[in-house]
Amino acid sequence: MPSRFMTRLIVIYQIMALMGWLIVARRTEDGLQWIQENLHGVIYITLATTMLFVTFVYIVQWSLDKIKGRKGPK
């Protein structure tokens, strides 16, 4: 998997996560206030889910490379 693809995938994921947070915040006035009060938690959750997502993609990539490597000529 090219690194450009991975970068684009992460950026798209982050934009979707940000849009989700903004939708939650805009639905109620309390949502925006909650995000402001819990900003450190929001940042932590965003970074943690990003790292889980990246780790998952790398594991899938590594697994596919191993499977392809075993299917060599007999």
Protein backbone atom coordinates (compact mmCIF):
# COMPACT_ATOMS: atom_id res chain seq x y z
CA MET A 1 0.00 0.00 0.00
CA PRO A 2 1.61 3.29 -1.03
CA SER A 3 2.18 5.86 1.69
CA ARG A 4 0.17 8.44 -0.29
CA PHE A 5 -2.85 6.18 -0.02
CA MET A 6 -2.33 5.81 3.72
CA THR A 7 -1.97 9.58 4.16
CA ARG A 8 -5.13 10.25 2.19
CA LEU A 9 -6.99 7.60 4.16
CA ILE A 10 -5.95 9.16 7.48
CA VAL A 11 -6.84 12.67 6.31
CA ILE A 12 -10.28 11.52 5.11
CA TYR A 13 -10.85 9.73 8.41
CA GLN A 14 -9.87 12.82 10.39
CA ILE A 15 -12.16 15.07 8.32
CA MET A 16 -15.05 12.67 8.90
CA ALA A 17 -14.33 12.57 12.66
CA LEU A 18 -14.14 16.38 12.81
CA MET A 19 -17.41 16.71 10.91
CA GLY A 20 -19.02 14.28 13.36
CA TRP A 21 -17.84 16.32 16.33
CA LEU A 22 -19.06 19.55 14.74
CA ILE A 23 -22.47 18.05 14.02
CA VAL A 24 -22.77 16.95 17.63
CA ALA A 25 -21.64 20.36 18.84
CA ARG A 26 -24.02 22.28 16.58
CA ARG A 27 -27.09 20.20 17.36
CA THR A 28 -27.28 21.67 20.81
CA GLU A 29 -25.67 24.64 22.47
CA ASP A 30 -24.67 22.33 25.30
CA GLY A 31 -22.67 20.21 22.84
CA LEU A 32 -20.29 23.05 22.02
CA GLN A 33 -19.94 23.89 25.69
CA TRP A 34 -19.25 20.24 26.50
CA ILE A 35 -16.49 20.08 23.87
CA GLN A 36 -14.92 23.26 25.25
CA GLU A 37 -15.02 21.89 28.79
CA ASN A 38 -13.63 18.49 27.75
CA LEU A 39 -11.19 19.60 25.06
CA HIS A 40 -8.37 17.41 26.38
CA GLY A 41 -10.62 14.36 26.27
CA VAL A 42 -11.74 15.18 22.74
CA ILE A 43 -8.13 15.51 21.59
CA TYR A 44 -7.17 12.27 23.34
CA ILE A 45 -10.09 10.35 21.82
CA THR A 46 -9.30 11.70 18.35
CA LEU A 47 -5.61 10.81 18.55
CA ALA A 48 -6.28 7.41 20.13
CA THR A 49 -8.81 6.39 17.49
CA THR A 50 -6.47 7.62 14.75
CA MET A 51 -3.65 5.46 16.10
CA LEU A 52 -5.96 2.45 16.37
CA PHE A 53 -7.09 2.99 12.79
CA VAL A 54 -3.52 3.33 11.50
CA THR A 55 -2.44 0.23 13.44
CA PHE A 56 -5.35 -1.75 12.02
CA VAL A 57 -4.49 -0.70 8.44
CA TYR A 58 -0.83 -1.63 8.93
CA ILE A 59 -1.76 -5.04 10.36
CA VAL A 60 -4.04 -5.73 7.39
CA GLN A 61 -1.30 -4.57 5.01
CA TRP A 62 1.32 -6.76 6.72
CA SER A 63 -1.04 -9.75 6.70
CA LEU A 64 -1.77 -9.36 3.01
CA ASP A 65 1.94 -9.10 2.24
CA LYS A 66 2.59 -12.31 4.20
CA ILE A 67 -0.23 -14.14 2.41
CA LYS A 68 1.03 -13.02 -1.00
CA GLY A 69 4.57 -14.02 -0.05
CA ARG A 70 3.52 -17.58 0.74
CA LYS A 71 1.78 -18.06 -2.60
CA GLY A 72 5.03 -18.17 -4.55
CA PRO A 73 5.78 -20.58 -7.38
CA LYS A 74 5.93 -24.26 -6.40
